[in-house]
């Protein structure tokens, strides 16, 4: 199992050393903070799995630090064990009432520290795994191409940005272990990516807290779970991992836009089953249209077709005399939810600028079509286009 991060907060170097020694040999990565302000900053940056927090500190004491941690969305779910030299029932009661999960009184034995830490971590993991899905889970929108290279990621990303205009929170996830392109399209770093999540041996360890460590907060307002650009190690995503990732994200935001690989794998199947609606992207050209029936059949077999799925037709160029929207509609027994007109020059400019087309060229016909698609997918009941 991946090492858990434990943060030790104490102004006394000797006390920090004693706690570090007590946890030596355990599968933990230890972080240290010497005062309350540093603890808050480090907790927000590193999102440790557990905090050992001394109560008696000059300036900002442990009680105040605990209170601030529990008021911040990013840190409120981190379990905190209070450490105190005063065996004061009142003081301990206040901290437990404010959200601490346990306390340790000084002087303490190494055995007690290890046991309390292990118990707190196990209890937190169990409560996270057993928590039922919230009624206000965000809507999950899946995007899958009938084959690679049809512009699925570009459409998913632009729809995600357009959804931000509804004043909702949006996350975008690349469900693939490598070859991510969203970071490239946004000119963003992919240093934070999905790879560490795939190291967790138990899929239940993938939860909002662990997900938050690897999300990139982009200036557009999107929260990105990126795939690494290259293959660092041969590591694949399991179907259960994909489900936990998507469900975890859905508990954190209003909309989750999922970029799903075109290959009909078990991972794709698992991801698609988490979606409230699936947009299947088809390019207006002969090979793309020819591949569509097989994908439609596969989705139906997986129980995610029919009214849960709609076609997004992409026109790369205006010169398709033998391949019209009407022709495709007559050959594919599926509802259409979007038609994206050709805009090769604008798409190229958007890629160079690192700004999605709906932001870089908001008044273009293509951006308007993408915005309308976003509105349609955001509706409670997705409606088909009429021609």
Protein backbone atom coordinates (compact mmCIF):
# COMPACT_ATOMS: atom_id res chain seq x y z
CA UNK A 1 0.00 0.00 0.00
CA UNK A 2 1.19 3.54 -0.69
CA UNK A 3 2.74 5.33 2.27
CA UNK A 4 0.38 7.53 4.27
CA UNK A 5 1.42 11.07 5.10
CA UNK A 6 1.49 11.93 8.81
CA UNK A 7 2.04 15.55 9.83
CA UNK A 8 3.50 16.26 13.28
CA UNK A 9 2.80 19.75 14.63
CA UNK A 10 4.71 20.88 17.72
CA UNK A 11 6.83 23.93 18.56
CA UNK A 12 9.19 21.73 20.61
CA UNK A 13 11.82 19.99 18.46
CA UNK A 14 12.31 17.29 21.10
CA UNK A 15 8.62 16.41 21.07
CA UNK A 16 8.62 16.21 17.26
CA UNK A 17 11.64 13.91 17.45
CA UNK A 18 9.96 11.66 20.04
CA UNK A 19 6.86 11.26 17.87
CA UNK A 20 9.00 10.64 14.77
CA UNK A 21 10.93 7.95 16.63
CA UNK A 22 7.67 6.36 17.78
CA UNK A 23 6.53 6.01 14.16
CA UNK A 24 9.89 4.84 12.81
CA UNK A 25 9.56 1.67 10.77
CA UNK A 26 5.87 2.24 10.07
CA UNK A 27 4.70 2.76 6.44
CA UNK A 28 4.35 6.53 6.84
CA UNK A 29 5.89 9.60 5.27
CA UNK A 30 6.40 12.13 8.07
CA UNK A 31 5.95 15.89 7.70
CA UNK A 32 6.72 18.46 10.38
CA UNK A 33 5.38 21.90 11.23
CA UNK A 34 6.77 24.08 14.04
CA UNK A 35 3.77 26.38 14.59
CA UNK A 36 0.10 26.77 13.81
CA UNK A 37 0.43 28.93 10.69
CA UNK A 38 2.96 26.58 9.13
CA UNK A 39 0.67 23.65 9.97
CA UNK A 40 -2.26 25.25 8.14
CA UNK A 41 -0.17 26.04 5.07
CA UNK A 42 1.42 22.58 4.96
CA UNK A 43 -1.92 20.83 5.47
CA UNK A 44 -3.46 22.75 2.56
CA UNK A 45 -0.51 21.95 0.32
CA UNK A 46 0.19 18.30 1.23
CA UNK A 47 -3.25 17.11 2.45
CA UNK A 48 -1.79 14.61 4.94
CA UNK A 49 -3.72 11.48 5.84
CA UNK A 50 -3.44 12.27 9.57
CA UNK A 51 -2.26 15.14 11.78
CA UNK A 52 -0.71 14.81 15.25
CA UNK A 53 -1.39 18.27 16.69
CA UNK A 54 0.05 19.63 19.94
CA UNK A 55 -2.43 21.71 21.92
CA UNK A 56 -0.02 23.93 23.88
CA UNK A 57 1.79 26.11 21.33
CA UNK A 58 2.65 29.82 21.50
CA UNK A 59 0.72 32.18 19.27
CA UNK A 60 -1.86 29.99 17.56
CA UNK A 61 -2.55 27.03 19.83
CA UNK A 62 -3.64 23.58 18.69
CA UNK A 63 -7.31 24.19 19.43
CA UNK A 64 -7.39 27.19 17.09
CA UNK A 65 -5.47 25.28 14.42
CA UNK A 66 -8.00 22.44 14.66
CA UNK A 67 -10.86 24.90 14.34
CA UNK A 68 -9.36 26.45 11.19
CA UNK A 69 -8.63 23.05 9.64
CA UNK A 70 -12.26 21.99 10.09
CA UNK A 71 -13.57 25.20 8.49
CA UNK A 72 -11.58 24.73 5.28
CA UNK A 73 -13.10 22.47 2.60
CA UNK A 74 -9.74 21.02 1.55
CA UNK A 75 -8.66 20.06 5.07
CA UNK A 76 -11.84 19.44 7.06
CA UNK A 77 -11.87 15.68 6.45
CA UNK A 78 -8.27 15.11 7.63
CA UNK A 79 -8.36 13.16 10.91
CA UNK A 80 -6.57 14.96 13.76
CA UNK A 81 -5.17 13.45 16.97
CA UNK A 82 -4.52 16.04 19.68
CA UNK A 83 -1.30 15.74 21.71
CA UNK A 84 -1.21 17.36 25.12
CA UNK A 85 0.94 17.49 28.25
CA UNK A 86 -2.09 18.51 30.34
CA UNK A 87 -4.53 15.78 31.26
CA UNK A 88 -7.42 18.24 31.27
CA UNK A 89 -10.82 16.69 30.66
CA UNK A 90 -12.28 20.06 29.67
CA UNK A 91 -9.52 20.81 27.17
CA UNK A 92 -9.74 17.34 25.63
CA UNK A 93 -13.54 17.51 25.50
CA UNK A 94 -13.45 20.81 23.59
CA UNK A 95 -11.01 19.44 21.00
CA UNK A 96 -12.98 16.23 20.49
CA UNK A 97 -16.17 18.24 20.20
CA UNK A 98 -14.49 20.44 17.55
CA UNK A 99 -13.65 17.48 15.36
CA UNK A 100 -10.51 15.75 16.68
CA UNK A 101 -10.73 11.95 16.41
CA UNK A 102 -8.55 11.08 19.42
CA UNK A 103 -6.00 12.41 21.89
CA UNK A 104 -2.64 11.33 23.32
CA UNK A 105 -1.35 12.57 26.65
CA UNK A 106 2.37 13.17 27.28
CA UNK A 107 4.44 11.33 28.30
CA UNK A 108 3.42 8.48 26.00
CA UNK A 109 4.79 5.13 24.92
CA UNK A 110 5.76 4.33 21.34
CA UNK A 111 3.29 1.45 21.39
CA UNK A 112 0.39 3.76 22.26
CA UNK A 113 1.31 6.29 19.56
CA UNK A 114 1.52 3.62 16.86
CA UNK A 115 -1.75 2.03 17.96
CA UNK A 116 -3.65 5.34 18.07
CA UNK A 117 -2.32 6.40 14.67
CA UNK A 118 -3.11 3.05 13.05
CA UNK A 119 -6.60 3.01 14.57
CA UNK A 120 -7.38 6.55 13.38
CA UNK A 121 -6.24 5.77 9.83
CA UNK A 122 -8.21 2.53 9.66
CA UNK A 123 -11.37 4.14 11.06
CA UNK A 124 -11.15 7.01 8.61
CA UNK A 125 -10.61 4.69 5.63
CA UNK A 126 -13.50 2.47 6.70
CA UNK A 127 -15.91 5.38 7.17
CA UNK A 128 -14.98 6.72 3.74
CA UNK A 129 -15.48 3.36 2.04
CA UNK A 130 -18.77 2.67 3.77
CA UNK A 131 -20.26 6.11 3.23
CA UNK A 132 -23.26 5.83 0.87
CA UNK A 133 -23.39 7.96 -2.23
CA UNK A 134 -24.72 11.39 -1.40
CA UNK A 135 -28.07 12.40 -2.83
CA UNK A 136 -26.52 15.57 -4.23
CA UNK A 137 -23.83 13.79 -6.24
CA UNK A 138 -22.69 15.76 -9.26
CA UNK A 139 -23.81 14.82 -12.75
CA UNK A 140 -21.33 12.65 -14.63
CA UNK A 141 -21.00 13.23 -18.38
CA UNK A 142 -18.94 10.74 -20.38
CA UNK A 143 -17.32 11.44 -23.74
CA UNK A 144 -16.12 8.60 -25.93
CA UNK A 145 -15.11 8.55 -29.59
CA UNK A 146 -16.07 5.78 -31.98
CA UNK A 147 -12.33 5.69 -32.73
CA UNK A 148 -9.24 7.65 -31.73
CA UNK A 149 -8.42 11.03 -33.22
CA UNK A 150 -11.95 12.34 -33.72
CA UNK A 151 -11.56 15.28 -31.32
CA UNK A 152 -13.28 13.73 -28.29
CA UNK A 153 -10.95 15.32 -25.73
CA UNK A 154 -11.26 18.75 -27.35
CA UNK A 155 -15.05 18.59 -27.24
CA UNK A 156 -15.11 17.29 -23.65
CA UNK A 157 -12.77 20.06 -22.52
CA UNK A 158 -14.75 22.82 -24.24
CA UNK A 159 -18.02 21.50 -22.83
CA UNK A 160 -16.46 21.47 -19.35
CA UNK A 161 -15.38 25.11 -19.68
CA UNK A 162 -18.81 26.07 -21.01
CA UNK A 163 -20.41 24.42 -17.97
CA UNK A 164 -18.42 26.76 -15.72
CA UNK A 165 -20.52 29.62 -17.08
CA UNK A 166 -23.49 28.16 -15.22
CA UNK A 167 -21.67 29.07 -11.98
CA UNK A 168 -21.23 25.39 -11.16
CA UNK A 169 -18.11 23.50 -10.13
CA UNK A 170 -16.65 21.22 -12.79
CA UNK A 171 -14.00 18.50 -12.77
CA UNK A 172 -12.46 16.86 -15.84
CA UNK A 173 -10.96 13.38 -15.63
CA UNK A 174 -8.81 11.53 -18.14
CA UNK A 175 -9.47 7.85 -17.42
CA UNK A 176 -6.27 6.49 -18.91
CA UNK A 177 -2.86 5.60 -17.41
CA UNK A 178 -0.82 7.59 -19.96
CA UNK A 179 -0.96 9.63 -23.19
CA UNK A 180 -2.95 12.46 -21.65
CA UNK A 181 -3.58 15.52 -23.85
CA UNK A 182 -5.75 17.81 -21.71
CA UNK A 183 -2.67 19.39 -20.09
CA UNK A 184 -1.28 20.11 -23.56
CA UNK A 185 -4.51 21.74 -24.70
CA UNK A 186 -4.59 23.93 -21.60
CA UNK A 187 -0.88 24.68 -21.50
CA UNK A 188 -0.85 23.21 -18.01
CA UNK A 189 1.61 21.08 -16.06
CA UNK A 190 0.78 17.39 -15.70
CA UNK A 191 3.04 16.99 -12.64
CA UNK A 192 -0.09 16.17 -10.63
CA UNK A 193 -1.78 13.25 -12.36
CA UNK A 194 -3.68 10.00 -11.96
CA UNK A 195 -0.61 7.75 -11.69
CA UNK A 196 -0.21 7.80 -7.85
CA UNK A 197 -3.86 6.82 -7.43
CA UNK A 198 -3.20 3.63 -9.37
CA UNK A 199 -0.63 2.60 -6.76
CA UNK A 200 -3.30 2.15 -4.08
CA UNK A 201 -3.81 -1.56 -3.58
CA UNK A 202 -7.32 -1.18 -2.19
CA UNK A 203 -9.67 0.81 -4.48
CA UNK A 204 -11.52 1.95 -1.37
CA UNK A 205 -8.50 4.09 -0.52
CA UNK A 206 -9.41 6.27 -3.50
CA UNK A 207 -11.74 8.84 -1.97
CA UNK A 208 -12.29 12.62 -2.05
CA UNK A 209 -9.40 13.18 0.34
CA UNK A 210 -6.86 11.23 -1.72
CA UNK A 211 -8.27 12.55 -5.00
CA UNK A 212 -7.79 16.11 -3.80
CA UNK A 213 -4.04 15.56 -3.57
CA UNK A 214 -3.72 14.90 -7.28
CA UNK A 215 -6.17 17.39 -8.76
CA UNK A 216 -4.81 20.38 -10.68
CA UNK A 217 -6.72 23.60 -10.00
CA UNK A 218 -6.63 25.38 -13.37
CA UNK A 219 -7.07 29.17 -13.77
CA UNK A 220 -10.23 28.56 -15.81
CA UNK A 221 -11.83 27.16 -12.65
CA UNK A 222 -11.68 23.54 -13.78
CA UNK A 223 -10.38 20.85 -11.43
CA UNK A 224 -8.33 18.46 -13.53
CA UNK A 225 -7.44 14.82 -12.93
CA UNK A 226 -4.84 14.42 -15.64
CA UNK A 227 -3.25 11.39 -17.22
CA UNK A 228 0.56 11.40 -17.45
CA UNK A 229 1.79 12.41 -20.93
CA UNK A 230 4.18 9.44 -21.12
CA UNK A 231 4.42 5.87 -19.88
CA UNK A 232 6.57 5.99 -16.74
CA UNK A 233 5.72 2.46 -15.62
CA UNK A 234 3.44 -0.17 -17.09
CA UNK A 235 0.41 0.44 -14.88
CA UNK A 236 -3.19 -0.04 -15.95
CA UNK A 237 -6.45 1.21 -14.43
CA UNK A 238 -8.83 -1.40 -13.08
CA UNK A 239 -12.56 -1.08 -13.49
CA UNK A 240 -13.03 -0.66 -9.74
CA UNK A 241 -10.42 2.09 -9.61
CA UNK A 242 -12.20 3.92 -12.43
CA UNK A 243 -15.50 3.68 -10.55
CA UNK A 244 -14.01 4.95 -7.28
CA UNK A 245 -12.32 7.86 -9.07
CA UNK A 246 -15.47 8.97 -10.85
CA UNK A 247 -17.74 8.53 -7.83
CA UNK A 248 -15.25 10.38 -5.65
CA UNK A 249 -15.11 13.31 -8.05
CA UNK A 250 -18.91 13.37 -8.30
CA UNK A 251 -19.10 13.89 -4.54
CA UNK A 252 -16.84 16.95 -4.85
CA UNK A 253 -18.28 18.97 -7.77
CA UNK A 254 -21.52 19.69 -9.64
CA UNK A 255 -20.36 18.20 -12.95
CA UNK A 256 -17.76 15.58 -13.79
CA UNK A 257 -16.69 15.44 -17.44
CA UNK A 258 -15.00 12.11 -18.17
CA UNK A 259 -12.75 11.59 -21.19
CA UNK A 260 -12.95 7.84 -21.89
CA UNK A 261 -10.63 5.95 -24.27
CA UNK A 262 -12.28 4.71 -27.46
CA UNK A 263 -11.17 1.09 -26.94
CA UNK A 264 -14.06 -1.03 -25.56
CA UNK A 265 -12.13 -2.22 -22.50
CA UNK A 266 -13.34 -3.22 -19.03
CA UNK A 267 -12.15 0.15 -17.76
CA UNK A 268 -14.20 1.99 -20.39
CA UNK A 269 -17.19 -0.16 -19.50
CA UNK A 270 -16.83 0.61 -15.79
CA UNK A 271 -16.41 4.34 -16.45
CA UNK A 272 -19.40 4.48 -18.79
CA UNK A 273 -21.62 2.80 -16.21
CA UNK A 274 -20.90 5.69 -13.81
CA UNK A 275 -22.19 8.26 -16.30
CA UNK A 276 -25.64 9.83 -16.27
CA UNK A 277 -25.22 10.56 -19.97
CA UNK A 278 -22.73 9.55 -22.65
CA UNK A 279 -21.80 11.65 -25.66
CA UNK A 280 -20.43 9.46 -28.44
CA UNK A 281 -18.30 11.51 -30.81
CA UNK A 282 -18.46 10.66 -34.52
CA UNK A 283 -16.53 12.45 -37.25
CA UNK A 284 -18.43 13.26 -40.42
CA UNK A 285 -16.37 11.01 -42.68
CA UNK A 286 -16.83 7.49 -44.01
CA UNK A 287 -14.62 5.48 -41.62
CA UNK A 288 -15.99 7.23 -38.54
CA UNK A 289 -19.61 6.73 -39.56
CA UNK A 290 -18.86 3.09 -40.44
CA UNK A 291 -17.41 2.48 -36.97
CA UNK A 292 -20.37 4.00 -35.13
CA UNK A 293 -22.85 1.04 -35.29
CA UNK A 294 -20.41 -1.29 -33.54
CA UNK A 295 -19.91 1.21 -30.71
CA UNK A 296 -23.67 1.77 -30.40
CA UNK A 297 -24.19 -1.99 -30.19
CA UNK A 298 -21.48 -2.32 -27.51
CA UNK A 299 -23.01 0.45 -25.38
CA UNK A 300 -26.45 -1.14 -25.66
CA UNK A 301 -24.98 -4.50 -24.57
CA UNK A 302 -23.41 -2.80 -21.54
CA UNK A 303 -26.74 -1.26 -20.59
CA UNK A 304 -25.64 2.33 -21.15
CA UNK A 305 -27.08 2.98 -24.60
CA UNK A 306 -30.53 4.09 -25.68
CA UNK A 307 -31.76 7.25 -23.96
CA UNK A 308 -28.58 7.42 -21.87
CA UNK A 309 -26.47 8.09 -24.96
CA UNK A 310 -26.45 10.57 -27.84
CA UNK A 311 -24.25 11.30 -30.86
CA UNK A 312 -22.09 14.38 -31.27
CA UNK A 313 -21.24 14.78 -34.93
CA UNK A 314 -17.98 16.57 -35.71
CA UNK A 315 -17.36 18.25 -39.05
CA UNK A 316 -13.60 18.70 -39.49
CA UNK A 317 -13.87 20.30 -42.95
CA UNK A 318 -16.68 21.88 -44.94
CA UNK A 319 -15.87 19.74 -47.99
CA UNK A 320 -17.87 16.51 -47.40
CA UNK A 321 -20.25 16.42 -50.40
CA UNK A 322 -21.18 12.74 -50.07
CA UNK A 323 -21.43 12.71 -46.28
CA UNK A 324 -24.18 14.93 -44.90
CA UNK A 325 -25.81 15.16 -41.50
CA UNK A 326 -29.02 13.85 -43.03
CA UNK A 327 -27.19 10.86 -44.48
CA UNK A 328 -25.62 9.98 -41.14
CA UNK A 329 -28.93 10.41 -39.33
CA UNK A 330 -30.62 8.00 -41.70
CA UNK A 331 -27.93 5.35 -41.18
CA UNK A 332 -27.48 5.55 -37.42
CA UNK A 333 -30.40 4.66 -35.16
CA UNK A 334 -29.46 7.01 -32.33
CA UNK A 335 -30.42 10.45 -31.08
CA UNK A 336 -28.22 13.42 -32.01
CA UNK A 337 -27.34 15.86 -29.23
CA UNK A 338 -24.83 18.06 -31.04
CA UNK A 339 -23.30 18.96 -34.38
CA UNK A 340 -19.97 20.78 -34.22
CA UNK A 341 -19.22 22.80 -37.38
CA UNK A 342 -15.74 22.94 -38.96
CA UNK A 343 -13.26 25.42 -37.46
CA UNK A 344 -9.75 24.02 -38.14
CA UNK A 345 -7.97 27.38 -37.97
CA UNK A 346 -9.67 28.41 -34.72
CA UNK A 347 -8.94 25.02 -33.16
CA UNK A 348 -5.27 25.34 -34.12
CA UNK A 349 -5.10 28.84 -32.62
CA UNK A 350 -6.79 27.62 -29.43
CA UNK A 351 -4.25 24.80 -29.11
CA UNK A 352 -1.32 27.19 -29.56
CA UNK A 353 -2.71 29.64 -27.01
CA UNK A 354 -3.58 26.99 -24.43
CA UNK A 355 -7.09 28.43 -24.21
CA UNK A 356 -10.16 26.36 -25.17
CA UNK A 357 -12.08 27.62 -28.18
CA UNK A 358 -15.13 28.64 -26.12
CA UNK A 359 -12.85 31.09 -24.31
CA UNK A 360 -10.46 32.14 -27.08
CA UNK A 361 -13.17 32.63 -29.74
CA UNK A 362 -16.46 32.82 -27.79
CA UNK A 363 -18.41 34.46 -30.64
CA UNK A 364 -17.52 31.86 -33.26
CA UNK A 365 -20.14 29.50 -34.66
CA UNK A 366 -18.16 26.54 -33.33
CA UNK A 367 -18.05 27.98 -29.79
CA UNK A 368 -21.77 28.63 -29.93
CA UNK A 369 -22.43 25.01 -30.92
CA UNK A 370 -20.22 23.77 -28.07
CA UNK A 371 -22.04 26.04 -25.62
CA UNK A 372 -25.41 24.75 -26.80
CA UNK A 373 -24.18 21.18 -26.39
CA UNK A 374 -23.10 21.97 -22.82
CA UNK A 375 -26.53 23.42 -22.00
CA UNK A 376 -28.25 20.40 -23.49
CA UNK A 377 -26.12 17.95 -21.50
CA UNK A 378 -26.57 19.96 -18.30
CA UNK A 379 -30.36 19.73 -18.54
CA UNK A 380 -32.15 17.29 -16.26
CA UNK A 381 -33.39 15.36 -19.28
CA UNK A 382 -31.08 15.53 -22.31
CA UNK A 383 -33.05 16.37 -25.43
CA UNK A 384 -32.18 15.32 -28.96
CA UNK A 385 -31.58 17.73 -31.82
CA UNK A 386 -34.30 18.16 -34.38
CA UNK A 387 -33.39 18.50 -38.03
